[in-house]
Amino acid sequence: MYNKQQVIVFDIESQIDTPAVCHALRLGPHNEQAAYDHIGEEFPKLPFHKIISIGRLEAFFDGNAWRVKDIVCDHAGDMPEAEMLSHFNERVALLTPKLCGFGIKNYDLPVIRYRAMMLGLMMKGLSARKYFARYFDEAEDLCDILANYDARGKVTLDVLTRLLGLPGKPDDVDGSKLLPLIKAREFEKIAAYCEQDVVLEYLVWLRYQLYLGNLSLKNHQESLNGLDSYILSYKPYLSHLTSFGS
């Protein structure tokens, strides 16, 4: 059973695993351009994604409000993919948290499982609970939940946060900028982008908790203030996400 008093909001970033594409699709010896040409403009199938960062926000409920314990992002500039996956699994195994994110049931979680299997990893922290089960809430996908599982209701995280009166993504930082950063191996910048997303997802999740009645207005604000304090103390480069809480 997962711990309802702990939550990990997480997000991954990935790039195409061109050797895997060439091998699986019988394109011959590894040829990066051939792999990209074969995939074309389509979104690559999930097993073809190689994880380059896993960002997470860990928080706990103190009986009144949610308190941020850590915001961190493991990335390819610091460690190999297998180590990133193992580290994430270790945190899940230790905390037994609710998992939360935006699009995690259709992207992040299945990519993590595919990659762990391809790398021959044991992931008992993730497999011990119903994080992958369709009709259980141990992992909450805000994109699906808020749209009531209807494509007509889905919007991007940036649009949703702006609709909710929260900070959206800065104009100069969005997903379209990631490919040049990946090619330039600017993993620190990718990690900062990933951390930004988990903060935005956490803000949406807190608003959802308010909607559900799990937080009062006072305790919702207290949770926001706690996030502000953490960011200003430990992650000042994310300070553009704190002005709403003042």
Protein backbone atom coordinates (compact mmCIF):
# COMPACT_ATOMS: atom_id res chain seq x y z
CA MET A 1 0.00 0.00 0.00
CA TYR A 2 1.28 3.46 -0.81
CA ASN A 3 1.73 6.26 1.73
CA LYS A 4 -0.97 8.88 1.25
CA GLN A 5 1.06 11.38 3.28
CA GLN A 6 3.90 11.42 0.74
CA VAL A 7 3.85 12.49 -2.90
CA ILE A 8 6.45 12.50 -5.65
CA VAL A 9 5.58 14.75 -8.58
CA PHE A 10 7.84 13.71 -11.43
CA ASP A 11 8.63 14.37 -15.06
CA ILE A 12 11.05 12.87 -17.57
CA GLU A 13 12.73 14.24 -20.67
CA SER A 14 13.94 11.95 -23.42
CA GLN A 15 15.58 11.69 -26.80
CA ILE A 16 15.32 9.12 -29.57
CA ASP A 17 17.42 6.02 -28.98
CA THR A 18 18.65 5.77 -32.57
CA PRO A 19 20.63 2.51 -32.10
CA ALA A 20 17.48 0.87 -30.73
CA VAL A 21 15.44 2.17 -33.68
CA CYS A 22 17.94 0.81 -36.20
CA HIS A 23 18.18 -2.57 -34.49
CA ALA A 24 14.46 -3.07 -33.82
CA LEU A 25 13.30 -1.94 -37.26
CA ARG A 26 16.07 -3.77 -39.17
CA LEU A 27 17.52 -0.62 -40.65
CA GLY A 28 21.00 -2.10 -40.70
CA PRO A 29 24.03 -0.90 -38.71
CA HIS A 30 23.44 2.12 -36.53
CA ASN A 31 22.84 5.19 -38.65
CA GLU A 32 21.41 8.15 -36.77
CA GLN A 33 20.05 9.88 -39.85
CA ALA A 34 18.41 6.68 -41.10
CA ALA A 35 16.64 6.33 -37.76
CA TYR A 36 15.37 9.92 -37.83
CA ASP A 37 14.31 9.55 -41.49
CA HIS A 38 12.35 6.40 -40.71
CA ILE A 39 10.47 7.99 -37.79
CA GLY A 40 9.88 11.21 -39.70
CA GLU A 41 7.56 13.75 -38.10
CA GLU A 42 5.68 11.20 -36.02
CA PHE A 43 6.06 11.05 -32.26
CA PRO A 44 8.38 8.09 -31.67
CA LYS A 45 6.93 4.93 -30.18
CA LEU A 46 7.54 4.89 -26.44
CA PRO A 47 10.19 2.12 -26.39
CA PHE A 48 12.35 4.28 -28.70
CA HIS A 49 12.73 7.02 -26.06
CA LYS A 50 15.99 7.16 -24.12
CA ILE A 51 15.63 8.97 -20.80
CA ILE A 52 17.99 11.91 -20.34
CA SER A 53 16.50 13.41 -17.17
CA ILE A 54 14.14 12.50 -14.34
CA GLY A 55 12.96 15.45 -12.27
CA ARG A 56 11.04 15.02 -9.07
CA LEU A 57 9.47 17.09 -6.30
CA GLU A 58 9.07 15.25 -3.00
CA ALA A 59 6.53 16.56 -0.50
CA PHE A 60 4.84 15.34 2.67
CA PHE A 61 1.61 16.26 4.45
CA ASP A 62 2.14 17.53 8.01
CA GLY A 63 -1.51 17.30 9.01
CA ASN A 64 -2.32 20.81 7.79
CA ALA A 65 -0.36 21.57 4.63
CA TRP A 66 1.96 19.98 2.11
CA ARG A 67 5.67 20.63 2.70
CA VAL A 68 8.32 20.34 0.00
CA LYS A 69 11.26 18.17 1.04
CA ASP A 70 13.26 18.26 -2.18
CA ILE A 71 13.26 19.33 -5.81
CA VAL A 72 15.93 17.54 -7.80
CA CYS A 73 16.65 16.36 -11.31
CA ASP A 74 19.02 13.54 -12.21
CA HIS A 75 20.30 13.94 -15.76
CA ALA A 76 22.58 12.42 -18.37
CA GLY A 77 25.31 14.95 -17.67
CA ASP A 78 25.81 13.43 -14.22
CA MET A 79 24.94 9.76 -14.58
CA PRO A 80 23.95 7.05 -17.08
CA GLU A 81 20.31 6.24 -17.75
CA ALA A 82 20.37 3.04 -15.68
CA GLU A 83 21.58 4.95 -12.64
CA MET A 84 18.86 7.58 -13.08
CA LEU A 85 16.21 4.88 -13.19
CA SER A 86 17.64 3.02 -10.21
CA HIS A 87 17.82 6.22 -8.18
CA PHE A 88 14.20 7.08 -8.94
CA ASN A 89 13.14 3.55 -8.05
CA GLU A 90 15.04 3.76 -4.74
CA ARG A 91 13.21 6.96 -3.77
CA VAL A 92 9.85 5.36 -4.59
CA ALA A 93 10.76 2.23 -2.63
CA LEU A 94 11.82 4.31 0.39
CA LEU A 95 8.87 6.72 0.49
CA THR A 96 6.09 4.48 -0.96
CA PRO A 97 4.43 7.72 -2.15
CA LYS A 98 1.54 8.67 -4.32
CA LEU A 99 3.02 9.47 -7.74
CA CYS A 100 1.74 12.45 -9.66
CA GLY A 101 2.45 14.22 -12.92
CA PHE A 102 1.05 15.47 -16.18
CA GLY A 103 0.75 12.82 -18.89
CA ILE A 104 2.53 10.21 -16.80
CA LYS A 105 0.16 7.31 -17.58
CA ASN A 106 0.61 7.73 -21.34
CA TYR A 107 4.26 8.72 -21.44
CA ASP A 108 6.52 8.92 -18.37
CA LEU A 109 5.56 5.68 -16.61
CA PRO A 110 5.51 3.40 -19.69
CA VAL A 111 8.80 4.88 -20.93
CA ILE A 112 10.36 4.22 -17.52
CA ARG A 113 9.13 0.62 -17.58
CA TYR A 114 10.28 -0.04 -21.15
CA ARG A 115 13.71 1.43 -20.50
CA ALA A 116 14.16 -0.45 -17.22
CA MET A 117 13.34 -3.73 -18.98
CA MET A 118 15.64 -2.92 -21.90
CA LEU A 119 18.46 -2.19 -19.46
CA GLY A 120 17.76 -5.31 -17.38
CA LEU A 121 16.91 -3.43 -14.18
CA MET A 122 14.90 -4.61 -11.19
CA MET A 123 12.38 -1.91 -10.22
CA LYS A 124 10.54 -3.31 -7.20
CA GLY A 125 9.84 0.16 -5.82
CA LEU A 126 7.63 0.87 -8.83
CA SER A 127 6.31 -2.64 -9.41
CA ALA A 128 5.30 -3.31 -5.80
CA ARG A 129 2.30 -0.99 -5.99
CA LYS A 130 -0.46 -0.22 -8.50
CA TYR A 131 1.28 2.72 -10.17
CA PHE A 132 0.65 1.29 -13.64
CA ALA A 133 -2.90 0.07 -12.99
CA ARG A 134 -5.52 1.90 -14.98
CA TYR A 135 -8.26 2.31 -12.39
CA PHE A 136 -6.24 3.01 -9.25
CA ASP A 137 -5.14 6.39 -7.88
CA GLU A 138 -1.68 5.43 -6.61
CA ALA A 139 -0.39 7.34 -9.62
CA GLU A 140 -2.42 10.40 -10.60
CA ASP A 141 -2.16 11.68 -14.15
CA LEU A 142 -3.54 15.21 -13.97
CA CYS A 143 -3.81 15.47 -17.73
CA ASP A 144 -6.22 12.51 -17.88
CA ILE A 145 -8.06 13.18 -14.62
CA LEU A 146 -8.88 16.83 -15.28
CA ALA A 147 -9.96 16.07 -18.86
CA ASN A 148 -12.10 13.18 -17.60
CA TYR A 149 -10.16 10.90 -19.98
CA ASP A 150 -11.56 12.76 -23.00
CA ALA A 151 -9.19 14.16 -25.62
CA ARG A 152 -11.49 17.18 -26.07
CA GLY A 153 -10.73 18.29 -22.52
CA LYS A 154 -6.96 18.04 -22.69
CA VAL A 155 -4.71 21.10 -22.78
CA THR A 156 -0.98 21.56 -22.37
CA LEU A 157 0.55 22.14 -18.96
CA ASP A 158 1.48 25.68 -19.97
CA VAL A 159 -2.08 26.52 -21.05
CA LEU A 160 -3.58 24.90 -17.95
CA THR A 161 -1.37 26.77 -15.49
CA ARG A 162 -2.19 30.07 -17.19
CA LEU A 163 -5.92 29.28 -17.11
CA LEU A 164 -5.61 28.63 -13.38
CA GLY A 165 -3.90 31.97 -12.84
CA LEU A 166 -0.57 30.31 -12.10
CA PRO A 167 2.76 31.10 -13.74
CA GLY A 168 3.05 29.43 -17.13
CA LYS A 169 6.32 28.55 -18.73
CA PRO A 170 8.54 31.53 -19.62
CA ASP A 171 8.31 32.56 -23.25
CA ASP A 172 11.93 31.57 -23.90
CA VAL A 173 11.68 28.11 -22.29
CA ASP A 174 9.39 25.48 -23.78
CA GLY A 175 9.54 21.96 -25.16
CA SER A 176 10.46 23.15 -28.65
CA LYS A 177 13.78 24.41 -27.27
CA LEU A 178 14.82 21.01 -25.91
CA LEU A 179 16.14 19.41 -29.11
CA PRO A 180 18.89 22.01 -29.60
CA LEU A 181 19.80 21.65 -25.92
CA ILE A 182 19.94 17.87 -26.28
CA LYS A 183 22.16 18.08 -29.37
CA ALA A 184 24.42 20.54 -27.53
CA ARG A 185 24.43 18.24 -24.47
CA GLU A 186 23.26 21.13 -22.28
CA PHE A 187 21.98 18.78 -19.62
CA GLU A 188 22.05 21.33 -16.80
CA LYS A 189 19.62 23.52 -18.73
CA ILE A 190 17.44 20.50 -19.53
CA ALA A 191 17.40 19.62 -15.82
CA ALA A 192 16.31 23.16 -14.90
CA TYR A 193 13.50 22.90 -17.48
CA CYS A 194 12.45 19.56 -16.00
CA GLU A 195 12.43 20.97 -12.46
CA GLN A 196 10.29 23.84 -13.68
CA ASP A 197 7.74 21.37 -15.01
CA VAL A 198 7.51 19.41 -11.76
CA VAL A 199 6.91 22.65 -9.86
CA LEU A 200 4.13 23.63 -12.27
CA GLU A 201 2.62 20.15 -11.99
CA TYR A 202 2.77 20.38 -8.19
CA LEU A 203 0.95 23.72 -8.31
CA VAL A 204 -1.82 22.15 -10.41
CA TRP A 205 -1.97 19.19 -8.04
CA LEU A 206 -2.33 21.51 -5.02
CA ARG A 207 -5.17 23.36 -6.75
CA TYR A 208 -6.80 20.00 -7.44
CA GLN A 209 -6.48 19.09 -3.75
CA LEU A 210 -8.25 22.36 -2.92
CA TYR A 211 -11.01 21.51 -5.39
CA LEU A 212 -11.44 18.06 -3.81
CA GLY A 213 -11.73 19.60 -0.36
CA ASN A 214 -8.56 17.87 0.83
CA LEU A 215 -7.09 21.30 1.62
CA SER A 216 -8.82 24.35 3.06
CA LEU A 217 -8.13 27.74 1.49
CA LYS A 218 -5.83 28.54 4.41
CA ASN A 219 -3.89 25.29 4.17
CA HIS A 220 -3.68 25.53 0.39
CA GLN A 221 -2.09 28.96 0.80
CA GLU A 222 0.19 27.57 3.49
CA SER A 223 1.30 24.86 1.05
CA LEU A 224 2.03 27.52 -1.59
CA ASN A 225 3.99 29.58 0.92
CA GLY A 226 6.04 26.52 1.83
CA LEU A 227 6.89 25.96 -1.83
CA ASP A 228 7.88 29.63 -2.17
CA SER A 229 10.18 29.36 0.82
CA TYR A 230 11.85 26.22 -0.48
CA ILE A 231 12.45 27.68 -3.94
CA LEU A 232 13.81 30.97 -2.66
CA SER A 233 16.12 29.12 -0.26
CA TYR A 234 17.38 26.31 -2.48
CA LYS A 235 16.33 26.86 -6.11
CA PRO A 236 16.46 30.62 -6.79
CA TYR A 237 16.56 30.05 -10.56
CA LEU A 238 12.94 28.91 -10.22
CA SER A 239 11.90 32.11 -8.46
CA HIS A 240 9.69 33.09 -11.44
CA LEU A 241 7.31 30.43 -10.15
CA THR A 242 6.85 31.99 -6.71
CA SER A 243 5.25 35.42 -7.29
CA PHE A 244 1.69 34.06 -7.19
CA GLY A 245 2.18 32.92 -3.60
CA SER A 246 3.05 36.32 -2.16
